[in-house]
């Protein structure tokens, strides 16, 4: 068989594997007739190197095999297939004249498998139709290559044209596959993502013009997730919290994440599916926070983690494409965020993990565009509905941690004091004081002190005096109570007793200039 006919057999083999069997072209060297192919039809994936070369002696073959083995390691790394088997398929006009058999392997149609194996298989091009059958069985091909009869090739004397035709078909098939892969990432446009970012920014700017987005009271007023009010029936906070952010840094981080992750999900899934995924993830994230975190919380983080979940579902459906493109970067970023959430106490990891699961579930329910997965979609909808109902039941049946709730009430009440609305502040302080037996002594004492402070603002001096005395009795080192009690007594004209208490305040905190000024005034 002449060289041109050998080349025809080589390219017929490559053509069949790529255009007929759907394998992926990795690398091509037309001058030397060397092609690297990834068999990514199903796991376990493998790498196939096909070359056309003649060897006179086995030592030539041995040297080539060693070079290819080293190259295969680089290809494994580049394709992120470090455990994949590599088949070095050599098409040759003849076998080496000396003993070459220890260097090559036979096709293993019934025992192929393992990991990170490297095998060399030689086929003689003059008998390729018969010799290729065991490989076709091992690789589970739909059919063996349809090789053109030798006499027909030689009769037409059109080997060059036939080779060029096969090469063109291989390249076109590769381009078509690349185009289809790109289409998976470009189904929709990030229209709703841009709208969401604009809406979130508008809400933040409005709140900053009238109040402070880092204020717990402001967050509660504008719809943050706050368990006591949700338990009272304000379920809409599960959704309104998604549009609030606590400070500029929180806003910028979430907006940037939404721009990239939300944009990617909307492009892949389309706008309608993205809207469903986003709000389902946000809802599941808020409910998870409701169950596992008693703090006030706000932000689009749960919904953004839902975008992670949706992209992980895409990776499950298109595993090889996922890891060739965004896969490893996405997983690393997700892992960093989850670890950060476990390390930093203030991060609401309940919302993050809930959103991640909710986004994955939303992607299962909607499915990918042009994919018919009705059974999985219906199953996903049923499981998600049951899980969400179970979380809500647990949340509404929960007992909020009294200490955590008291701390929040004290913060909110203090803000009402700053706004000079002591009547509203007083209700929060009374709620904390009512939990005396369930909370720490420190929180109870602080509640009494703040209630007394509110009474002073409401000119209820006798009640304030009683509470300040109770605070001092419970905590004799509470110098602020001594100072404020001295103020109340001085205001009521009892300067002698006021002098006793301001002296004690100065003794406990001698560096406080306010205490010193009051002491001088009373004296």
Protein backbone atom coordinates (compact mmCIF):
# COMPACT_ATOMS: atom_id res chain seq x y z
CA UNK A 1 0.00 0.00 0.00
CA UNK A 2 1.48 3.35 -1.05
CA UNK A 3 1.89 6.33 1.26
CA UNK A 4 -1.07 8.23 -0.15
CA UNK A 5 -3.39 5.29 0.40
CA UNK A 6 -2.08 5.00 3.98
CA UNK A 7 -2.92 8.65 4.53
CA UNK A 8 -6.41 8.06 3.19
CA UNK A 9 -6.89 5.27 5.77
CA UNK A 10 -5.57 7.56 8.51
CA UNK A 11 -7.96 10.38 7.69
CA UNK A 12 -10.88 8.02 7.16
CA UNK A 13 -10.33 6.78 10.71
CA UNK A 14 -10.12 10.30 12.14
CA UNK A 15 -13.16 11.38 10.10
CA UNK A 16 -15.27 8.52 11.45
CA UNK A 17 -14.39 9.06 15.10
CA UNK A 18 -15.08 12.81 15.00
CA UNK A 19 -17.96 13.21 12.54
CA UNK A 20 -19.78 9.90 12.98
CA UNK A 21 -19.07 8.98 16.61
CA UNK A 22 -19.06 12.51 18.03
CA UNK A 23 -15.63 12.53 19.65
CA UNK A 24 -13.88 15.86 20.15
CA UNK A 25 -10.84 17.02 18.22
CA UNK A 26 -8.19 18.28 20.65
CA UNK A 27 -5.12 18.85 18.49
CA UNK A 28 -4.20 18.25 14.87
CA UNK A 29 -0.92 18.17 12.94
CA UNK A 30 -1.71 17.70 9.28
CA UNK A 31 1.91 17.70 8.15
CA UNK A 32 2.85 14.71 10.29
CA UNK A 33 -0.58 13.04 10.30
CA UNK A 34 -0.96 13.20 14.08
CA UNK A 35 -4.30 13.86 15.77
CA UNK A 36 -5.28 13.98 19.46
CA UNK A 37 -8.93 13.15 20.19
CA UNK A 38 -10.95 13.19 23.40
CA UNK A 39 -13.59 10.52 23.70
CA UNK A 40 -16.06 12.45 25.85
CA UNK A 41 -19.22 10.61 24.89
CA UNK A 42 -19.60 9.15 28.37
CA UNK A 43 -17.52 8.33 31.41
CA UNK A 44 -14.86 7.13 31.84
CA UNK A 45 -13.39 9.59 29.36
CA UNK A 46 -10.26 8.68 27.44
CA UNK A 47 -7.71 10.35 25.18
CA UNK A 48 -6.84 8.87 21.81
CA UNK A 49 -3.74 9.80 19.84
CA UNK A 50 -3.78 8.60 16.24
CA UNK A 51 -0.66 8.79 14.11
CA UNK A 52 0.56 7.37 10.82
CA UNK A 53 4.17 6.23 10.84
CA UNK A 54 6.34 3.34 9.66
CA UNK A 55 9.06 1.71 11.81
CA UNK A 56 11.83 -0.58 10.61
CA UNK A 57 13.08 -1.52 14.07
CA UNK A 58 11.50 -1.84 17.50
CA UNK A 59 13.94 0.61 19.11
CA UNK A 60 12.50 3.34 16.85
CA UNK A 61 9.04 2.42 18.08
CA UNK A 62 10.24 2.38 21.70
CA UNK A 63 11.67 5.90 21.42
CA UNK A 64 8.46 7.21 19.86
CA UNK A 65 6.34 5.61 22.57
CA UNK A 66 8.39 7.29 25.33
CA UNK A 67 8.02 10.70 23.68
CA UNK A 68 4.26 10.24 23.25
CA UNK A 69 3.91 9.10 26.86
CA UNK A 70 5.49 12.33 28.10
CA UNK A 71 3.31 14.40 25.77
CA UNK A 72 0.20 12.59 27.00
CA UNK A 73 0.79 13.88 30.54
CA UNK A 74 0.67 17.46 29.28
CA UNK A 75 -2.50 16.71 27.32
CA UNK A 76 -4.10 15.16 30.41
CA UNK A 77 -3.34 18.28 32.44
CA UNK A 78 -4.57 20.61 29.71
CA UNK A 79 -7.86 18.74 29.42
CA UNK A 80 -8.15 18.35 33.19
CA UNK A 81 -8.36 14.58 32.71
CA UNK A 82 -5.48 13.52 34.94
CA UNK A 83 -6.93 10.04 35.51
CA UNK A 84 -7.93 9.37 31.89
CA UNK A 85 -6.56 6.44 29.93
CA UNK A 86 -4.51 7.25 26.85
CA UNK A 87 -4.52 5.08 23.73
CA UNK A 88 -1.63 5.66 21.36
CA UNK A 89 -3.00 4.28 18.08
CA UNK A 90 -0.38 3.90 15.32
CA UNK A 91 -1.38 3.16 11.72
CA UNK A 92 1.60 1.67 9.91
CA UNK A 93 2.38 0.03 6.59
CA UNK A 94 4.15 -2.84 8.37
CA UNK A 95 5.32 -3.99 11.78
CA UNK A 96 9.00 -3.63 12.79
CA UNK A 97 11.11 -6.56 11.58
CA UNK A 98 12.41 -7.47 15.05
CA UNK A 99 10.46 -8.30 18.22
CA UNK A 100 8.12 -5.37 18.85
CA UNK A 101 5.28 -7.18 20.66
CA UNK A 102 6.36 -6.33 24.26
CA UNK A 103 5.94 -2.65 23.34
CA UNK A 104 2.35 -2.78 22.13
CA UNK A 105 -0.99 -3.91 23.51
CA UNK A 106 -3.92 -5.72 21.99
CA UNK A 107 -7.39 -4.18 21.97
CA UNK A 108 -9.36 -5.25 25.07
CA UNK A 109 -13.00 -5.38 23.98
CA UNK A 110 -14.26 -7.03 27.18
CA UNK A 111 -11.73 -5.99 29.84
CA UNK A 112 -10.96 -2.35 29.00
CA UNK A 113 -10.94 0.01 31.98
CA UNK A 114 -8.73 1.24 34.78
CA UNK A 115 -7.31 4.70 35.28
CA UNK A 116 -4.32 6.62 33.98
CA UNK A 117 -3.24 3.77 31.73
CA UNK A 118 -1.08 4.33 28.67
CA UNK A 119 -1.35 1.80 25.87
CA UNK A 120 0.10 1.64 22.37
CA UNK A 121 -1.80 -0.24 19.67
CA UNK A 122 -0.47 -0.79 16.15
CA UNK A 123 -2.67 -1.51 13.14
CA UNK A 124 -1.42 -2.36 9.66
CA UNK A 125 -3.27 -0.16 7.18
CA UNK A 126 -3.59 -2.95 4.60
CA UNK A 127 -5.68 -4.97 7.07
CA UNK A 128 -7.31 -2.14 8.99
CA UNK A 129 -10.90 -3.18 8.28
CA UNK A 130 -10.40 -6.47 10.14
CA UNK A 131 -8.01 -5.19 12.83
CA UNK A 132 -10.17 -2.21 13.80
CA UNK A 133 -13.14 -4.31 14.88
CA UNK A 134 -11.82 -5.17 18.41
CA UNK A 135 -11.12 -1.45 18.99
CA UNK A 136 -14.61 -0.53 17.82
CA UNK A 137 -15.96 -3.02 20.36
CA UNK A 138 -13.73 -1.68 23.17
CA UNK A 139 -14.66 1.91 22.44
CA UNK A 140 -18.34 0.99 22.00
CA UNK A 141 -18.59 2.66 18.61
CA UNK A 142 -21.92 2.72 16.82
CA UNK A 143 -20.22 1.15 13.80
CA UNK A 144 -16.78 0.52 12.36
CA UNK A 145 -15.35 3.07 9.90
CA UNK A 146 -16.66 2.76 6.36
CA UNK A 147 -13.32 2.46 4.58
CA UNK A 148 -13.28 3.01 0.82
CA UNK A 149 -12.10 -0.10 -1.07
CA UNK A 150 -8.41 0.04 -1.94
CA UNK A 151 -8.98 -0.67 -5.62
CA UNK A 152 -11.40 2.26 -5.86
CA UNK A 153 -8.90 4.70 -4.36
CA UNK A 154 -6.09 3.56 -6.61
CA UNK A 155 -8.30 3.41 -9.68
CA UNK A 156 -9.52 6.98 -9.32
CA UNK A 157 -6.02 8.23 -8.41
CA UNK A 158 -7.68 10.93 -6.36
CA UNK A 159 -6.05 10.33 -2.98
CA UNK A 160 -5.12 14.01 -2.53
CA UNK A 161 -8.64 15.23 -3.18
CA UNK A 162 -10.14 12.58 -0.90
CA UNK A 163 -7.70 13.47 1.91
CA UNK A 164 -8.50 17.18 1.55
CA UNK A 165 -12.21 16.39 1.63
CA UNK A 166 -11.85 14.34 4.83
CA UNK A 167 -9.73 17.06 6.46
CA UNK A 168 -12.31 19.71 5.58
CA UNK A 169 -15.12 17.56 7.00
CA UNK A 170 -13.21 17.01 10.23
CA UNK A 171 -12.59 20.75 10.65
CA UNK A 172 -16.18 21.66 9.80
CA UNK A 173 -17.50 19.08 12.24
CA UNK A 174 -15.21 20.51 14.94
CA UNK A 175 -16.36 24.07 14.21
CA UNK A 176 -19.99 22.98 14.29
CA UNK A 177 -19.47 21.36 17.67
CA UNK A 178 -17.77 24.50 18.98
CA UNK A 179 -20.67 26.57 17.69
CA UNK A 180 -23.19 24.35 19.48
CA UNK A 181 -21.14 24.54 22.68
CA UNK A 182 -21.11 28.34 22.44
CA UNK A 183 -24.86 28.38 21.87
CA UNK A 184 -25.34 26.66 25.23
CA UNK A 185 -23.80 29.73 26.88
CA UNK A 186 -25.65 32.27 24.73
CA UNK A 187 -29.30 31.18 24.76
CA UNK A 188 -30.55 34.39 26.36
CA UNK A 189 -29.49 37.95 27.13
CA UNK A 190 -28.88 39.31 30.66
CA UNK A 191 -31.81 41.75 30.48
CA UNK A 192 -33.40 40.88 33.82
CA UNK A 193 -29.99 40.80 35.53
CA UNK A 194 -29.41 44.42 34.54
CA UNK A 195 -32.91 45.32 35.76
CA UNK A 196 -32.27 43.62 39.11
CA UNK A 197 -28.98 45.44 39.64
CA UNK A 198 -30.62 48.75 38.80
CA UNK A 199 -33.50 48.08 41.19
CA UNK A 200 -31.17 47.04 44.02
CA UNK A 201 -29.08 50.19 43.52
CA UNK A 202 -32.20 52.37 43.46
CA UNK A 203 -33.51 50.86 46.72
CA UNK A 204 -30.13 51.36 48.39
CA UNK A 205 -29.83 54.99 47.29
CA UNK A 206 -33.38 55.79 48.41
CA UNK A 207 -32.85 54.30 51.87
CA UNK A 208 -29.53 56.15 52.25
CA UNK A 209 -31.26 59.44 51.49
CA UNK A 210 -33.81 58.96 54.29
CA UNK A 211 -31.94 56.78 56.80
CA UNK A 212 -28.92 54.50 57.23
CA UNK A 213 -28.73 51.09 55.58
CA UNK A 214 -26.50 49.79 58.38
CA UNK A 215 -29.12 50.56 61.00
CA UNK A 216 -31.04 47.51 62.31
CA UNK A 217 -34.14 49.64 62.81
CA UNK A 218 -33.98 50.94 59.22
CA UNK A 219 -33.53 47.43 57.87
CA UNK A 220 -36.56 46.20 59.81
CA UNK A 221 -38.65 49.15 58.64
CA UNK A 222 -37.80 48.51 54.99
CA UNK A 223 -38.45 44.77 55.02
CA UNK A 224 -35.37 42.87 56.22
CA UNK A 225 -35.74 39.30 57.40
CA UNK A 226 -36.66 39.62 61.07
CA UNK A 227 -37.96 36.44 62.68
CA UNK A 228 -40.38 37.92 65.27
CA UNK A 229 -42.28 39.89 62.61
CA UNK A 230 -42.32 36.92 60.22
CA UNK A 231 -43.80 34.84 63.02
CA UNK A 232 -46.45 37.54 63.39
CA UNK A 233 -47.45 37.07 59.73
CA UNK A 234 -45.13 39.30 57.68
CA UNK A 235 -44.17 36.48 55.26
CA UNK A 236 -43.39 38.98 52.50
CA UNK A 237 -40.08 39.67 54.25
CA UNK A 238 -38.78 36.44 52.69
CA UNK A 239 -38.76 38.35 49.38
CA UNK A 240 -38.32 42.01 50.36
CA UNK A 241 -35.05 41.18 52.16
CA UNK A 242 -33.54 40.24 48.79
CA UNK A 243 -33.54 43.90 47.69
CA UNK A 244 -31.91 45.39 50.81
CA UNK A 245 -28.19 45.65 51.52
CA UNK A 246 -26.29 46.50 54.67
CA UNK A 247 -23.81 49.22 53.73
CA UNK A 248 -21.98 50.13 50.54
CA UNK A 249 -19.46 47.25 50.65
CA UNK A 250 -22.23 44.66 50.93
CA UNK A 251 -24.05 46.30 48.03
CA UNK A 252 -20.98 46.44 45.76
CA UNK A 253 -19.95 42.83 46.44
CA UNK A 254 -23.42 41.48 45.73
CA UNK A 255 -23.94 43.69 42.66
CA UNK A 256 -20.65 42.53 41.18
CA UNK A 257 -21.46 38.87 41.87
CA UNK A 258 -24.93 39.29 40.41
CA UNK A 259 -23.52 40.94 37.29
CA UNK A 260 -21.26 37.98 36.52
CA UNK A 261 -23.16 35.01 37.96
CA UNK A 262 -26.67 36.24 37.22
CA UNK A 263 -25.63 37.26 33.72
CA UNK A 264 -24.14 33.80 33.08
CA UNK A 265 -27.24 31.99 34.35
CA UNK A 266 -29.62 34.20 32.35
CA UNK A 267 -27.58 33.63 29.19
CA UNK A 268 -27.59 29.86 29.68
CA UNK A 269 -31.16 29.36 30.91
CA UNK A 270 -32.96 32.30 29.34
CA UNK A 271 -34.81 35.12 31.11
CA UNK A 272 -37.98 33.26 32.15
CA UNK A 273 -36.09 30.35 33.67
CA UNK A 274 -33.63 32.73 35.33
CA UNK A 275 -36.43 34.70 37.02
CA UNK A 276 -37.87 31.48 38.46
CA UNK A 277 -34.46 30.20 39.58
CA UNK A 278 -33.46 33.55 41.11
CA UNK A 279 -36.59 34.07 43.20
CA UNK A 280 -36.89 30.42 44.22
CA UNK A 281 -33.26 30.48 45.40
CA UNK A 282 -33.84 33.78 47.21
CA UNK A 283 -36.96 32.41 48.90
CA UNK A 284 -35.30 29.13 49.98
CA UNK A 285 -32.30 31.14 51.19
CA UNK A 286 -34.52 33.44 53.27
CA UNK A 287 -36.46 30.51 54.74
CA UNK A 288 -33.19 28.75 55.61
CA UNK A 289 -32.00 31.92 57.32
CA UNK A 290 -35.34 32.08 59.14
CA UNK A 291 -34.72 28.55 60.46
CA UNK A 292 -31.00 28.67 61.21
CA UNK A 293 -30.23 32.34 61.95
CA UNK A 294 -32.14 34.55 64.38
CA UNK A 295 -30.30 37.73 63.41
CA UNK A 296 -31.69 40.47 61.18
CA UNK A 297 -30.54 39.66 57.66
CA UNK A 298 -30.83 41.24 54.24
CA UNK A 299 -29.23 41.03 50.83
CA UNK A 300 -29.36 39.16 47.54
CA UNK A 301 -26.72 36.65 48.68
CA UNK A 302 -29.14 33.72 48.85
CA UNK A 303 -30.35 34.34 45.31
CA UNK A 304 -26.77 34.85 44.10
CA UNK A 305 -25.74 31.52 45.61
CA UNK A 306 -28.72 30.15 43.71
CA UNK A 307 -26.88 31.17 40.55
CA UNK A 308 -23.99 28.99 41.72
CA UNK A 309 -26.47 26.14 42.15
CA UNK A 310 -27.91 26.62 38.66
CA UNK A 311 -24.43 26.60 37.11
CA UNK A 312 -23.59 23.42 39.02
CA UNK A 313 -26.68 21.82 37.49
CA UNK A 314 -25.44 22.90 34.06
CA UNK A 315 -22.13 21.23 34.94
CA UNK A 316 -23.97 18.03 35.87
CA UNK A 317 -25.70 17.93 32.47
CA UNK A 318 -22.67 19.08 30.42
CA UNK A 319 -19.85 17.84 32.59
CA UNK A 320 -16.95 17.97 30.14
CA UNK A 321 -17.94 21.32 28.67
CA UNK A 322 -18.37 22.70 32.19
CA UNK A 323 -14.88 21.70 33.30
CA UNK A 324 -13.31 22.85 30.05
CA UNK A 325 -14.72 26.34 30.55
CA UNK A 326 -15.97 27.75 33.87
CA UNK A 327 -16.00 24.63 36.04
CA UNK A 328 -12.90 24.75 38.21
CA UNK A 329 -12.97 28.54 38.65
CA UNK A 330 -16.61 28.40 39.71
CA UNK A 331 -16.04 25.60 42.23
CA UNK A 332 -13.01 27.36 43.75
CA UNK A 333 -14.94 30.64 44.16
CA UNK A 334 -17.91 28.81 45.65
CA UNK A 335 -15.67 26.92 48.10
CA UNK A 336 -13.95 30.15 49.21
CA UNK A 337 -17.32 31.82 49.83
CA UNK A 338 -18.65 28.88 51.83
CA UNK A 339 -15.50 28.65 53.96
CA UNK A 340 -15.62 32.41 54.51
CA UNK A 341 -19.22 32.02 55.66
CA UNK A 342 -18.27 29.39 58.24
CA UNK A 343 -15.28 31.38 59.51
CA UNK A 344 -16.87 34.83 59.80
CA UNK A 345 -19.70 34.80 62.39
CA UNK A 346 -21.71 37.67 60.88
CA UNK A 347 -22.12 35.96 57.50
CA UNK A 348 -25.51 34.29 57.05
CA UNK A 349 -24.37 30.90 55.78
CA UNK A 350 -27.86 29.49 56.27
CA UNK A 351 -29.10 31.82 53.53
CA UNK A 352 -26.08 31.01 51.35
CA UNK A 353 -26.44 27.23 51.55
CA UNK A 354 -30.21 27.43 51.27
CA UNK A 355 -29.89 29.63 48.19
CA UNK A 356 -27.33 27.25 46.66
CA UNK A 357 -29.68 24.30 47.08
CA UNK A 358 -32.66 26.37 45.93
CA UNK A 359 -30.86 27.48 42.77
CA UNK A 360 -29.93 23.89 41.92
CA UNK A 361 -33.52 22.80 42.54
CA UNK A 362 -34.84 25.66 40.42
CA UNK A 363 -32.57 24.60 37.56
CA UNK A 364 -33.80 21.01 37.85
CA UNK A 365 -37.43 22.20 37.75
CA UNK A 366 -37.01 24.52 34.76
CA UNK A 367 -34.47 22.36 32.95
CA UNK A 368 -32.07 23.64 30.34
CA UNK A 369 -33.38 25.11 27.08
CA UNK A 370 -34.20 22.48 24.45
CA UNK A 371 -33.83 19.66 26.99
CA UNK A 372 -36.77 17.36 27.61
CA UNK A 373 -36.42 16.04 31.15
CA UNK A 374 -40.04 15.94 32.29
CA UNK A 375 -39.58 13.17 34.86
CA UNK A 376 -36.68 14.91 36.61
CA UNK A 377 -38.45 18.27 36.43
CA UNK A 378 -41.62 16.92 38.04
CA UNK A 379 -39.61 15.04 40.65
CA UNK A 380 -37.54 18.17 41.37
CA UNK A 381 -40.72 20.25 41.79
CA UNK A 382 -42.21 17.72 44.20
CA UNK A 383 -39.04 17.37 46.31
CA UNK A 384 -38.51 21.15 46.41
CA UNK A 385 -42.11 21.80 47.48
CA UNK A 386 -41.88 19.21 50.26
CA UNK A 387 -38.49 20.55 51.44
CA UNK A 388 -39.71 24.16 51.42
CA UNK A 389 -42.85 23.20 53.34
CA UNK A 390 -40.76 21.31 55.90
CA UNK A 391 -38.42 24.30 56.37
CA UNK A 392 -41.39 26.65 56.83
CA UNK A 393 -42.97 24.30 59.36
CA UNK A 394 -39.72 24.10 61.33
CA UNK A 395 -39.28 27.87 61.13
CA UNK A 396 -42.77 28.74 62.32
CA UNK A 397 -42.52 26.15 65.09
CA UNK A 398 -39.17 27.40 66.36
CA UNK A 399 -38.31 29.15 69.61
CA UNK A 400 -36.09 32.16 68.96
CA UNK A 401 -32.96 32.38 71.10
CA UNK A 402 -33.94 34.87 73.84
CA UNK A 403 -30.41 36.25 74.23
CA UNK A 404 -30.04 36.93 70.52
CA UNK A 405 -33.52 38.43 70.28
CA UNK A 406 -32.85 40.62 73.33
CA UNK A 407 -29.65 41.96 71.77
CA UNK A 408 -31.58 42.96 68.65
CA UNK A 409 -34.35 44.58 70.70
CA UNK A 410 -31.78 46.58 72.63
CA UNK A 411 -30.21 47.80 69.38
CA UNK A 412 -33.57 48.78 67.92
CA UNK A 413 -34.69 50.47 71.11
CA UNK A 414 -31.43 52.43 71.26
CA UNK A 415 -32.05 53.70 67.75
CA UNK A 416 -35.52 54.89 68.72
CA UNK A 417 -33.86 56.76 71.59
CA UNK A 418 -31.46 58.40 69.11
CA UNK A 419 -34.48 59.43 67.02
CA UNK A 420 -35.96 60.98 70.18
CA UNK A 421 -38.95 58.65 70.24
CA UNK A 422 -38.66 57.13 73.71
CA UNK A 423 -42.22 55.78 73.70
CA UNK A 424 -41.40 53.38 70.83
CA UNK A 425 -38.06 52.51 72.42
CA UNK A 426 -39.75 51.70 75.73
CA UNK A 427 -41.78 48.83 74.23
CA UNK A 428 -38.60 47.04 73.10
CA UNK A 429 -36.86 47.50 76.46
CA UNK A 430 -39.93 46.19 78.28
CA UNK A 431 -39.97 43.13 76.01
CA UNK A 432 -36.37 42.38 76.97
CA UNK A 433 -37.04 42.90 80.67
CA UNK A 434 -39.99 40.51 80.41
CA UNK A 435 -37.54 37.75 79.39
CA UNK A 436 -35.57 38.12 82.66
CA UNK A 437 -35.51 34.40 83.43
CA UNK A 438 -34.45 33.40 79.90
CA UNK A 439 -31.67 35.88 79.17
CA UNK A 440 -28.25 36.64 80.61
CA UNK A 441 -28.08 38.98 83.65
CA UNK A 442 -26.04 41.47 81.60
CA UNK A 443 -28.79 41.82 78.97
CA UNK A 444 -31.43 42.22 81.65
CA UNK A 445 -29.47 44.94 83.42
CA UNK A 446 -28.88 46.76 80.11
CA UNK A 447 -32.60 46.62 79.37
CA UNK A 448 -33.43 48.17 82.75
CA UNK A 449 -30.83 50.87 82.24
CA UNK A 450 -32.11 51.76 78.75
CA UNK A 451 -35.71 51.76 79.99
CA UNK A 452 -34.70 54.17 82.75
CA UNK A 453 -32.97 56.33 80.15
CA UNK A 454 -36.17 56.36 78.08
CA UNK A 455 -38.16 57.32 81.18
CA UNK A 456 -35.85 60.29 81.70
CA UNK A 457 -36.58 61.48 78.16
CA UNK A 458 -40.29 61.10 78.88
CA UNK A 459 -39.77 63.04 82.18
CA UNK A 460 -40.89 60.07 84.27
CA UNK A 461 -38.19 60.77 86.83
CA UNK A 462 -39.49 58.70 89.72
CA UNK A 463 -39.71 55.57 87.52
CA UNK A 464 -36.26 56.30 86.07
CA UNK A 465 -34.85 56.73 89.60
CA UNK A 466 -36.29 53.35 90.66
CA UNK A 467 -34.80 51.57 87.64
CA UNK A 468 -31.36 53.18 88.00
CA UNK A 469 -31.26 52.07 91.64
CA UNK A 470 -32.20 48.53 90.58
CA UNK A 471 -29.44 48.53 87.98
CA UNK A 472 -26.88 49.62 90.60
CA UNK A 473 -28.11 46.94 92.96
CA UNK A 474 -27.71 44.25 90.27
CA UNK A 475 -24.38 45.58 88.99
CA UNK A 476 -22.49 47.80 91.45
CA UNK A 477 -19.82 48.52 88.81
CA UNK A 478 -22.27 50.08 86.30
CA UNK A 479 -20.84 53.62 86.39
CA UNK A 480 -23.27 54.96 83.74
CA UNK A 481 -26.15 54.12 86.10
CA UNK A 482 -24.53 56.09 88.93
CA UNK A 483 -24.05 59.07 86.63
CA UNK A 484 -27.61 59.05 85.30
CA UNK A 485 -29.09 58.52 88.74
CA UNK A 486 -27.09 61.53 89.94
CA UNK A 487 -28.53 63.55 87.04
CA UNK A 488 -32.09 62.53 87.96
CA UNK A 489 -31.61 63.34 91.64
CA UNK A 490 -29.95 66.65 90.80
CA UNK A 491 -32.83 67.50 88.46
CA UNK A 492 -35.27 66.84 91.32
CA UNK A 493 -33.24 69.07 93.69
CA UNK A 494 -31.70 66.34 95.83
CA UNK A 495 -28.08 67.47 95.39
CA UNK A 496 -26.77 65.79 98.55
CA UNK A 497 -27.71 62.27 97.41
CA UNK A 498 -26.78 63.16 93.80
CA UNK A 499 -23.30 64.03 95.06
CA UNK A 500 -22.90 60.55 96.54
CA UNK A 501 -23.71 58.85 93.26
CA UNK A 502 -21.65 61.14 91.03
CA UNK A 503 -18.67 60.64 93.32
CA UNK A 504 -19.05 56.87 92.85
CA UNK A 505 -19.30 57.31 89.04
CA UNK A 506 -16.08 59.35 89.01
CA UNK A 507 -14.40 56.76 91.18
CA UNK A 508 -15.34 53.98 88.72
CA UNK A 509 -14.47 55.99 85.57
CA UNK A 510 -12.12 58.82 86.56
CA UNK A 511 -11.20 59.62 82.93
CA UNK A 512 -14.78 60.54 81.97
CA UNK A 513 -14.96 64.35 81.66
CA UNK A 514 -18.79 64.41 81.70
CA UNK A 515 -18.76 62.81 85.13
CA UNK A 516 -16.20 65.36 86.37
CA UNK A 517 -18.23 68.29 85.04
CA UNK A 518 -21.41 67.08 86.77
CA UNK A 519 -19.48 66.51 89.99
CA UNK A 520 -18.21 70.11 89.93
CA UNK A 521 -21.69 71.43 89.15
CA UNK A 522 -23.29 69.56 92.04
CA UNK A 523 -20.54 70.60 94.46
